[in-house]
Amino acid sequence: MVHPNKKQKVKKTSTTTCKEDLIFNSDILPKIMSYLPSFDVLNLAITCKRFGISDNDKTSSLIEKCASIVIQDFATDELLGALPHYDGEGSLADYHYLQLLKAPLTFDQLVGGAVYMISIENEGDKSCVTTNVPGNSTTGYWGIALSNNILRAGKHYVTFDLTMGNEGTFWLGVMRPGQANQNARGAPIFPEFFHNFSRYMVHGEDNNDVQCCMYNIYSGFCHFGDWGDSNHSESRRDWEGMETMRSDCEIGMLLDLDEGTLSAYKNGRFLGVMKRGLAGPYCWVASIYKGEVGKSSRVTIKRGSIPLLTAREE
């Protein structure tokens, strides 16, 4: 018989076990993880031994297994097709890349001959940039807006909504990911740009020499370059379906890294394949030439769905 004034020990093991069963559950944890940024998931794996990162290449840790479940449950077939698969990269890397693919596109680097003439349109919205030539200027300026979103595999379609000022033009396309310094000038095909640019070394490095590929909407040409030591590493070509643009419009671009092609669209209408033989990684870039004082130019980048081809376009 227990004395009425004697304190009884409270069993805590059942509560602890219940919490552990809840947290370290491969059915519940993926649902929790789906709401967490990939960096938080990685920190959790690093700081908590129970979640852990496996030291054995043949087995996966709890956090890696859960990341794989999240990917399969929440990624569309299109997103799964865009996930790169390289030796040494597991489900945590895929989970991080999946979140990047689902996030809105932004212009993360702004450089050019006069940096103050290219700026974010609305504070907090980095998908839109605008340009203005200084009032005391007698010449035009280039502004370059780069996205840090790296494209490594699969199909990627974006739209560039363009507002053109007088005497202005846009070069739109893809280039290798990296960091430009503020001495960079012109479009990425120009030596004044790539001599002031440091490439990111991305796992699964490219296996071709097309370092950038741009659609010059003023002339219609496709420009591409290998970024060699020469000051004349640029090439240009015409292509079937090419058009010139002189007024506001929406330019769509489809980078298909399965087929190695870059195609262009105008207001949802397929123009044609600009370039073949591309291999990632790439990122999106817009170069803006602004020539007239007081007339602003604007470009907005957005993810989109690939337009359906009409019978005539096919």
Protein backbone atom coordinates (compact mmCIF):
# COMPACT_ATOMS: atom_id res chain seq x y z
CA MET A 1 0.00 0.00 0.00
CA VAL A 2 1.32 3.44 -0.93
CA HIS A 3 1.40 5.97 1.87
CA PRO A 4 -0.99 8.88 1.05
CA ASN A 5 1.67 11.55 1.79
CA LYS A 6 4.39 9.90 -0.22
CA LYS A 7 5.07 11.43 -3.64
CA GLN A 8 4.79 9.05 -6.50
CA LYS A 9 7.30 9.11 -9.33
CA VAL A 10 5.91 10.38 -12.61
CA LYS A 11 6.71 8.18 -15.54
CA LYS A 12 8.16 10.38 -18.28
CA THR A 13 9.26 7.66 -20.59
CA SER A 14 5.89 7.29 -22.24
CA THR A 15 5.69 11.01 -23.10
CA THR A 16 9.23 11.04 -24.42
CA THR A 17 8.63 7.94 -26.47
CA CYS A 18 5.47 9.46 -27.88
CA LYS A 19 7.30 12.60 -28.96
CA GLU A 20 10.10 10.58 -30.53
CA ASP A 21 7.61 8.41 -32.37
CA LEU A 22 5.99 11.58 -33.71
CA ILE A 23 9.16 13.39 -34.75
CA PHE A 24 11.20 10.46 -36.03
CA ASN A 25 8.39 9.02 -38.09
CA SER A 26 9.00 8.54 -41.80
CA ASP A 27 5.29 9.07 -42.49
CA ILE A 28 4.85 12.34 -40.59
CA LEU A 29 8.27 13.94 -41.08
CA PRO A 30 7.96 14.34 -44.89
CA LYS A 31 4.74 16.33 -44.40
CA ILE A 32 6.52 18.62 -41.94
CA MET A 33 9.56 18.93 -44.22
CA SER A 34 7.42 20.02 -47.17
CA TYR A 35 6.85 23.35 -45.36
CA LEU A 36 10.53 23.92 -44.56
CA PRO A 37 13.17 25.69 -46.67
CA SER A 38 15.89 23.34 -47.84
CA PHE A 39 18.54 25.16 -45.80
CA ASP A 40 16.58 24.50 -42.60
CA VAL A 41 16.31 20.82 -43.52
CA LEU A 42 20.05 20.63 -44.14
CA ASN A 43 20.78 22.36 -40.81
CA LEU A 44 18.53 19.85 -39.10
CA ALA A 45 20.42 16.98 -40.68
CA ILE A 46 23.76 18.45 -39.62
CA THR A 47 22.87 19.36 -36.02
CA CYS A 48 20.74 16.36 -35.03
CA LYS A 49 22.43 12.97 -35.01
CA ARG A 50 19.10 11.15 -34.98
CA PHE A 51 18.15 12.71 -38.33
CA GLY A 52 21.72 12.66 -39.54
CA ILE A 53 23.45 12.44 -42.89
CA SER A 54 24.59 8.93 -43.70
CA ASP A 55 28.32 8.23 -43.94
CA ASN A 56 27.53 5.05 -45.82
CA ASP A 57 26.97 5.43 -49.56
CA LYS A 58 24.79 2.32 -49.56
CA THR A 59 22.29 3.49 -46.96
CA SER A 60 20.23 6.67 -46.56
CA SER A 61 19.63 8.58 -43.34
CA LEU A 62 16.14 9.35 -42.06
CA ILE A 63 16.29 12.91 -43.39
CA GLU A 64 17.44 11.72 -46.83
CA LYS A 65 14.66 9.13 -47.01
CA CYS A 66 12.10 11.78 -46.08
CA ALA A 67 13.47 14.22 -48.66
CA SER A 68 13.04 11.53 -51.31
CA ILE A 69 9.41 11.00 -50.23
CA VAL A 70 8.69 14.76 -50.40
CA ILE A 71 10.10 14.94 -53.93
CA GLN A 72 8.01 12.04 -55.18
CA ASP A 73 4.82 13.29 -53.49
CA PHE A 74 4.98 16.98 -54.37
CA ALA A 75 6.93 17.28 -57.63
CA THR A 76 5.16 17.19 -60.99
CA ASP A 77 6.50 15.08 -63.84
CA GLU A 78 7.84 18.27 -65.44
CA LEU A 79 9.75 19.22 -62.29
CA LEU A 80 11.06 15.69 -61.84
CA GLY A 81 12.37 15.84 -65.38
CA ALA A 82 14.27 19.05 -64.57
CA LEU A 83 16.09 17.55 -61.56
CA PRO A 84 19.71 16.80 -62.43
CA HIS A 85 21.14 13.45 -61.41
CA TYR A 86 24.86 13.52 -60.80
CA ASP A 87 27.11 11.13 -58.91
CA GLY A 88 27.57 12.22 -55.31
CA GLU A 89 24.32 14.20 -55.10
CA GLY A 90 21.49 12.67 -53.10
CA SER A 91 17.89 13.45 -52.26
CA LEU A 92 18.78 16.49 -50.12
CA ALA A 93 20.41 18.14 -53.15
CA ASP A 94 17.36 17.26 -55.25
CA TYR A 95 15.05 18.71 -52.59
CA HIS A 96 17.00 21.98 -52.58
CA TYR A 97 16.95 22.20 -56.38
CA LEU A 98 13.22 21.41 -56.45
CA GLN A 99 12.51 24.39 -54.23
CA LEU A 100 14.53 26.63 -56.54
CA LEU A 101 12.52 25.40 -59.53
CA LYS A 102 9.23 26.21 -57.78
CA ALA A 103 10.26 29.69 -56.58
CA PRO A 104 9.44 32.83 -58.63
CA LEU A 105 12.24 33.94 -60.94
CA THR A 106 14.15 37.08 -59.97
CA PHE A 107 16.95 39.25 -61.29
CA ASP A 108 19.63 38.82 -58.64
CA GLN A 109 22.53 40.76 -60.18
CA LEU A 110 22.37 44.19 -61.82
CA VAL A 111 25.50 45.45 -63.59
CA GLY A 112 26.40 47.69 -66.50
CA GLY A 113 28.14 50.81 -67.75
CA ALA A 114 26.02 52.97 -65.46
CA VAL A 115 24.66 50.86 -62.63
CA TYR A 116 22.42 53.63 -61.36
CA MET A 117 20.40 53.56 -64.56
CA ILE A 118 19.13 49.98 -63.97
CA SER A 119 17.11 49.26 -60.87
CA ILE A 120 14.43 47.10 -59.31
CA GLU A 121 11.02 48.38 -60.42
CA ASN A 122 9.21 47.82 -57.12
CA GLU A 123 10.94 47.35 -53.77
CA GLY A 124 10.76 43.71 -52.82
CA ASP A 125 9.88 42.55 -56.35
CA LYS A 126 13.10 41.51 -58.06
CA SER A 127 11.36 40.07 -61.12
CA CYS A 128 11.15 43.49 -62.81
CA VAL A 129 13.90 45.97 -63.63
CA THR A 130 13.72 49.36 -65.31
CA THR A 131 16.34 51.54 -67.00
CA ASN A 132 16.76 55.27 -67.42
CA VAL A 133 19.56 57.20 -69.10
CA PRO A 134 20.89 60.06 -66.92
CA GLY A 135 19.69 63.50 -68.00
CA ASN A 136 23.22 64.77 -68.62
CA SER A 137 24.13 61.81 -70.83
CA THR A 138 24.97 62.12 -74.51
CA THR A 139 25.36 58.35 -75.10
CA GLY A 140 23.35 55.24 -74.41
CA TYR A 141 24.09 52.67 -71.73
CA TRP A 142 23.93 48.91 -71.31
CA GLY A 143 22.35 47.38 -68.24
CA ILE A 144 22.57 43.64 -67.53
CA ALA A 145 20.15 41.75 -65.26
CA LEU A 146 21.10 38.19 -64.27
CA SER A 147 19.12 35.48 -62.54
CA ASN A 148 20.98 33.22 -60.10
CA ASN A 149 18.53 30.37 -60.71
CA ILE A 150 20.66 27.59 -62.23
CA LEU A 151 19.21 25.45 -65.02
CA ARG A 152 20.88 22.06 -65.23
CA ALA A 153 18.45 19.60 -66.83
CA GLY A 154 14.98 19.28 -68.33
CA LYS A 155 12.75 21.94 -69.92
CA HIS A 156 12.47 25.54 -68.72
CA TYR A 157 10.07 28.13 -70.16
CA VAL A 158 10.04 31.81 -69.19
CA THR A 159 8.47 35.00 -70.48
CA PHE A 160 10.10 38.41 -70.70
CA ASP A 161 7.49 41.20 -70.70
CA LEU A 162 9.13 44.14 -72.48
CA THR A 163 8.38 47.85 -72.36
CA MET A 164 10.61 49.61 -74.86
CA GLY A 165 11.80 53.17 -74.66
CA ASN A 166 12.81 54.97 -77.86
CA GLU A 167 16.23 53.95 -79.20
CA GLY A 168 16.31 51.01 -76.81
CA THR A 169 16.61 47.28 -77.36
CA PHE A 170 16.88 44.00 -75.48
CA TRP A 171 19.10 40.94 -75.78
CA LEU A 172 17.51 37.96 -74.03
CA GLY A 173 18.76 34.45 -73.41
CA VAL A 174 20.96 32.21 -71.28
CA MET A 175 24.52 32.22 -70.03
CA ARG A 176 26.72 30.30 -67.62
CA PRO A 177 25.97 30.99 -63.95
CA GLY A 178 28.49 33.07 -62.03
CA GLN A 179 29.28 36.47 -60.54
CA ALA A 180 29.78 39.67 -62.57
CA ASN A 181 31.69 42.60 -61.14
CA GLN A 182 30.65 46.20 -61.67
CA ASN A 183 33.15 46.66 -64.50
CA ALA A 184 31.13 44.32 -66.71
CA ARG A 185 29.74 46.03 -69.83
CA GLY A 186 27.34 45.22 -72.63
CA ALA A 187 25.78 41.86 -73.42
CA PRO A 188 27.38 38.62 -72.13
CA ILE A 189 28.83 37.88 -75.58
CA PHE A 190 31.08 40.97 -75.35
CA PRO A 191 34.65 40.69 -73.99
CA GLU A 192 33.91 43.77 -71.87
CA PHE A 193 31.47 41.55 -69.99
CA PHE A 194 33.01 38.09 -69.78
CA HIS A 195 36.48 39.39 -68.88
CA ASN A 196 34.80 40.81 -65.75
CA PHE A 197 32.84 37.67 -64.91
CA SER A 198 33.70 34.68 -62.70
CA ARG A 199 31.91 31.43 -63.46
CA TYR A 200 30.48 29.17 -60.76
CA MET A 201 31.94 25.69 -60.87
CA VAL A 202 28.79 23.58 -60.92
CA HIS A 203 28.87 19.81 -60.48
CA GLY A 204 28.16 18.13 -63.79
CA GLU A 205 30.03 20.83 -65.71
CA ASP A 206 29.02 21.67 -69.25
CA ASN A 207 30.50 19.72 -72.11
CA ASN A 208 30.21 22.28 -74.92
CA ASP A 209 31.59 25.72 -75.74
CA VAL A 210 28.34 27.71 -75.99
CA GLN A 211 28.85 29.86 -72.93
CA CYS A 212 25.99 32.24 -73.75
CA CYS A 213 23.21 32.43 -76.33
CA MET A 214 21.15 35.61 -76.86
CA TYR A 215 18.22 36.79 -78.98
CA ASN A 216 18.83 40.32 -80.24
CA ILE A 217 15.23 41.45 -80.71
CA TYR A 218 16.27 44.59 -82.61
CA SER A 219 18.05 42.71 -85.41
CA GLY A 220 16.49 39.29 -84.91
CA PHE A 221 19.89 37.55 -84.89
CA CYS A 222 20.94 34.82 -82.50
CA HIS A 223 24.28 35.70 -80.89
CA PHE A 224 26.42 33.15 -79.07
CA GLY A 225 29.97 32.97 -77.79
CA ASP A 226 32.58 30.65 -76.29
CA TRP A 227 34.18 33.25 -73.96
CA GLY A 228 37.67 32.51 -75.25
CA ASP A 229 40.70 34.70 -74.74
CA SER A 230 40.15 36.31 -78.11
CA ASN A 231 38.30 39.60 -78.37
CA HIS A 232 36.36 38.11 -81.27
CA SER A 233 34.78 35.00 -79.74
CA GLU A 234 31.24 36.06 -80.72
CA SER A 235 29.23 34.43 -83.50
CA ARG A 236 25.84 35.33 -84.88
CA ARG A 237 23.40 33.56 -87.13
CA ASP A 238 19.99 33.98 -88.63
CA TRP A 239 17.43 31.28 -87.89
CA GLU A 240 14.15 30.09 -89.35
CA GLY A 241 11.29 32.13 -87.88
CA MET A 242 13.44 35.05 -86.67
CA GLU A 243 11.64 38.38 -86.26
CA THR A 244 12.64 41.88 -85.24
CA MET A 245 10.78 43.75 -82.49
CA ARG A 246 10.17 47.50 -82.33
CA SER A 247 7.27 47.74 -79.84
CA ASP A 248 6.20 46.40 -76.45
CA CYS A 249 5.68 42.64 -76.47
CA GLU A 250 6.10 39.40 -74.57
CA ILE A 251 9.03 37.21 -75.58
CA GLY A 252 8.93 33.59 -74.44
CA MET A 253 12.03 31.41 -74.33
CA LEU A 254 12.19 27.64 -73.99
CA LEU A 255 15.48 26.10 -72.91
CA ASP A 256 15.23 22.37 -73.53
CA LEU A 257 18.30 20.72 -72.04
CA ASP A 258 17.01 17.27 -73.00
CA GLU A 259 17.22 18.22 -76.67
CA GLY A 260 19.93 20.89 -76.26
CA THR A 261 17.88 23.69 -77.86
CA LEU A 262 16.87 27.29 -77.18
CA SER A 263 13.61 28.39 -78.84
CA ALA A 264 11.80 31.75 -79.00
CA TYR A 265 8.14 32.78 -78.86
CA LYS A 266 6.40 36.12 -79.41
CA ASN A 267 3.17 36.78 -77.51
CA GLY A 268 2.69 33.02 -77.12
CA ARG A 269 3.37 32.27 -80.79
CA PHE A 270 6.22 29.92 -81.62
CA LEU A 271 8.89 31.59 -83.74
CA GLY A 272 11.49 28.87 -84.07
CA VAL A 273 14.58 27.16 -82.68
CA MET A 274 17.37 29.70 -82.30
CA LYS A 275 20.25 27.39 -81.39
CA ARG A 276 21.01 23.71 -81.00
CA GLY A 277 23.80 21.87 -79.22
CA LEU A 278 23.38 23.47 -75.78
CA ALA A 279 24.35 21.70 -72.55
CA GLY A 280 23.83 23.08 -69.05
CA PRO A 281 24.28 24.62 -66.64
CA TYR A 282 22.81 28.00 -67.63
CA CYS A 283 20.90 30.87 -66.07
CA TRP A 284 18.55 33.50 -67.58
CA VAL A 285 19.87 36.93 -68.54
CA ALA A 286 18.49 40.15 -70.01
CA SER A 287 20.73 42.85 -71.49
CA ILE A 288 19.09 46.23 -72.04
CA TYR A 289 20.43 49.01 -74.20
CA LYS A 290 18.94 52.39 -73.38
CA GLY A 291 19.66 55.15 -75.85
CA GLU A 292 17.32 58.13 -75.23
CA VAL A 293 17.16 60.37 -72.18
CA GLY A 294 13.86 60.29 -70.29
CA LYS A 295 12.43 57.21 -71.99
CA SER A 296 12.53 54.24 -69.64
CA SER A 297 12.71 50.59 -70.67
CA ARG A 298 11.39 47.76 -68.53
CA VAL A 299 11.64 43.96 -68.45
CA THR A 300 9.80 41.48 -66.22
CA ILE A 301 10.75 37.82 -66.02
CA LYS A 302 8.24 35.09 -65.12
CA ARG A 303 8.01 31.33 -65.20
CA GLY A 304 5.38 29.99 -67.58
CA SER A 305 3.87 26.96 -69.22
CA ILE A 306 5.09 25.97 -72.67
CA PRO A 307 2.49 27.22 -75.20
CA LEU A 308 0.77 24.58 -77.29
CA LEU A 309 1.82 24.59 -80.92
CA THR A 310 -0.78 25.17 -83.59
CA ALA A 311 -1.04 22.80 -86.54
CA ARG A 312 0.71 25.39 -88.72
CA GLU A 313 3.58 25.82 -86.25
CA GLU A 314 4.10 22.06 -86.02
